[in-house]
Amino acid sequence: MGSQKIHFTLSDEALAIIARRAPSPHKRGAWISKAVIDYDHILAGVASEDGADGGLLEEVVNRLARIEKQMVALLAKEI
């Protein structure tokens, strides 16, 4: 899969999270790409690649994410 150089305007909070979580300044783009893909998997109810070989905590986090997505869908239907 290829990549493109794109400019986005991000909030100060988002920039602080990226600075804190990305392994290095040179890997911020890769970290953001992975975060967006993982978030899409959560919204779609698909297990992320990292969760496949994860431990108990990762399994709990993945299950909770699926439950949250289902709750949002149910609440959206009732509105």
C-alpha atoms as a PDB file:
ATOM      1  CA  MET A   1       0.000   0.000   0.000  1.00  0.00           C
ATOM      2  CA  GLY A   2       1.323   3.436  -0.897  1.00  0.00           C
ATOM      3  CA  SER A   3       1.332   6.645   1.038  1.00  0.00           C
ATOM      4  CA  GLN A   4       0.765  10.323   0.337  1.00  0.00           C
ATOM      5  CA  LYS A   5       1.952  13.483   1.995  1.00  0.00           C
ATOM      6  CA  ILE A   6      -1.127  15.389   3.196  1.00  0.00           C
ATOM      7  CA  HIS A   7      -1.580  18.377   5.486  1.00  0.00           C
ATOM      8  CA  PHE A   8      -4.334  18.430   8.120  1.00  0.00           C
ATOM      9  CA  THR A   9      -5.194  20.946  10.800  1.00  0.00           C
ATOM     10  CA  LEU A  10      -5.303  19.164  14.154  1.00  0.00           C
ATOM     11  CA  SER A  11      -6.320  20.362  17.598  1.00  0.00           C
ATOM     12  CA  ASP A  12      -3.724  20.979  20.272  1.00  0.00           C
ATOM     13  CA  GLU A  13      -5.067  17.954  22.152  1.00  0.00           C
ATOM     14  CA  ALA A  14      -4.658  15.695  19.118  1.00  0.00           C
ATOM     15  CA  LEU A  15      -1.113  16.957  18.558  1.00  0.00           C
ATOM     16  CA  ALA A  16      -0.236  16.278  22.205  1.00  0.00           C
ATOM     17  CA  ILE A  17      -1.554  12.721  21.908  1.00  0.00           C
ATOM     18  CA  ILE A  18       0.459  12.114  18.735  1.00  0.00           C
ATOM     19  CA  ALA A  19       3.599  13.522  20.349  1.00  0.00           C
ATOM     20  CA  ARG A  20       3.081  11.334  23.416  1.00  0.00           C
ATOM     21  CA  ARG A  21       2.151   8.093  21.633  1.00  0.00           C
ATOM     22  CA  ALA A  22       4.201   8.065  18.422  1.00  0.00           C
ATOM     23  CA  PRO A  23       7.474   6.164  18.854  1.00  0.00           C
ATOM     24  CA  SER A  24       9.518   9.029  17.349  1.00  0.00           C
ATOM     25  CA  PRO A  25       8.967  12.265  15.411  1.00  0.00           C
ATOM     26  CA  HIS A  26       9.923  10.456  12.211  1.00  0.00           C
ATOM     27  CA  LYS A  27       7.233   7.793  12.737  1.00  0.00           C
ATOM     28  CA  ARG A  28       4.274  10.098  13.427  1.00  0.00           C
ATOM     29  CA  GLY A  29       2.725   9.546  10.000  1.00  0.00           C
ATOM     30  CA  ALA A  30       2.867   5.765  10.343  1.00  0.00           C
ATOM     31  CA  TRP A  31       1.404   6.013  13.857  1.00  0.00           C
ATOM     32  CA  ILE A  32      -1.467   8.224  12.667  1.00  0.00           C
ATOM     33  CA  SER A  33      -2.184   5.866   9.744  1.00  0.00           C
ATOM     34  CA  LYS A  34      -2.335   2.874  12.090  1.00  0.00           C
ATOM     35  CA  ALA A  35      -4.536   4.776  14.573  1.00  0.00           C
ATOM     36  CA  VAL A  36      -7.040   5.687  11.837  1.00  0.00           C
ATOM     37  CA  ILE A  37      -7.122   2.099  10.528  1.00  0.00           C
ATOM     38  CA  ASP A  38      -7.564   0.666  14.043  1.00  0.00           C
ATOM     39  CA  TYR A  39     -10.348   3.179  14.763  1.00  0.00           C
ATOM     40  CA  ASP A  40     -12.128   2.166  11.562  1.00  0.00           C
ATOM     41  CA  HIS A  41     -11.854  -1.492  12.610  1.00  0.00           C
ATOM     42  CA  ILE A  42     -13.398  -0.624  15.978  1.00  0.00           C
ATOM     43  CA  LEU A  43     -16.295   1.175  14.313  1.00  0.00           C
ATOM     44  CA  ALA A  44     -16.801  -1.727  11.901  1.00  0.00           C
ATOM     45  CA  GLY A  45     -16.614  -4.310  14.697  1.00  0.00           C
ATOM     46  CA  VAL A  46     -13.584  -5.999  13.150  1.00  0.00           C
ATOM     47  CA  ALA A  47     -10.722  -7.118  15.374  1.00  0.00           C
ATOM     48  CA  SER A  48      -7.532  -5.179  14.734  1.00  0.00           C
ATOM     49  CA  GLU A  49      -4.360  -6.980  13.719  1.00  0.00           C
ATOM     50  CA  ASP A  50      -2.747  -6.224  17.076  1.00  0.00           C
ATOM     51  CA  GLY A  51      -5.626  -7.758  19.001  1.00  0.00           C
ATOM     52  CA  ALA A  52      -5.278 -11.161  17.311  1.00  0.00           C
ATOM     53  CA  ASP A  53      -2.271 -12.231  19.392  1.00  0.00           C
ATOM     54  CA  GLY A  54      -2.942  -9.967  22.362  1.00  0.00           C
ATOM     55  CA  GLY A  55      -3.464 -10.918  25.950  1.00  0.00           C
ATOM     56  CA  LEU A  56      -6.503 -10.789  28.170  1.00  0.00           C
ATOM     57  CA  LEU A  57      -6.470  -6.998  28.511  1.00  0.00           C
ATOM     58  CA  GLU A  58      -6.431  -6.526  24.733  1.00  0.00           C
ATOM     59  CA  GLU A  59      -9.321  -8.964  24.376  1.00  0.00           C
ATOM     60  CA  VAL A  60     -11.326  -7.040  26.989  1.00  0.00           C
ATOM     61  CA  VAL A  61     -10.580  -3.736  25.254  1.00  0.00           C
ATOM     62  CA  ASN A  62     -11.661  -5.171  21.882  1.00  0.00           C
ATOM     63  CA  ARG A  63     -14.877  -6.565  23.339  1.00  0.00           C
ATOM     64  CA  LEU A  64     -15.656  -3.276  25.060  1.00  0.00           C
ATOM     65  CA  ALA A  65     -15.090  -1.406  21.793  1.00  0.00           C
ATOM     66  CA  ARG A  66     -17.548  -3.709  20.013  1.00  0.00           C
ATOM     67  CA  ILE A  67     -20.133  -3.207  22.773  1.00  0.00           C
ATOM     68  CA  GLU A  68     -19.700   0.579  22.589  1.00  0.00           C
ATOM     69  CA  LYS A  69     -20.230   0.478  18.829  1.00  0.00           C
ATOM     70  CA  GLN A  70     -23.386  -1.607  19.257  1.00  0.00           C
ATOM     71  CA  MET A  71     -24.716   0.794  21.916  1.00  0.00           C
ATOM     72  CA  VAL A  72     -24.141   3.781  19.625  1.00  0.00           C
ATOM     73  CA  ALA A  73     -25.994   2.005  16.818  1.00  0.00           C
ATOM     74  CA  LEU A  74     -28.924   1.148  19.128  1.00  0.00           C
ATOM     75  CA  LEU A  75     -29.131   4.693  20.479  1.00  0.00           C
ATOM     76  CA  ALA A  76     -29.036   6.103  16.952  1.00  0.00           C
ATOM     77  CA  LYS A  77     -32.012   3.928  15.962  1.00  0.00           C
ATOM     78  CA  GLU A  78     -34.081   5.119  18.936  1.00  0.00           C
ATOM     79  CA  ILE A  79     -33.558   8.825  18.213  1.00  0.00           C
END
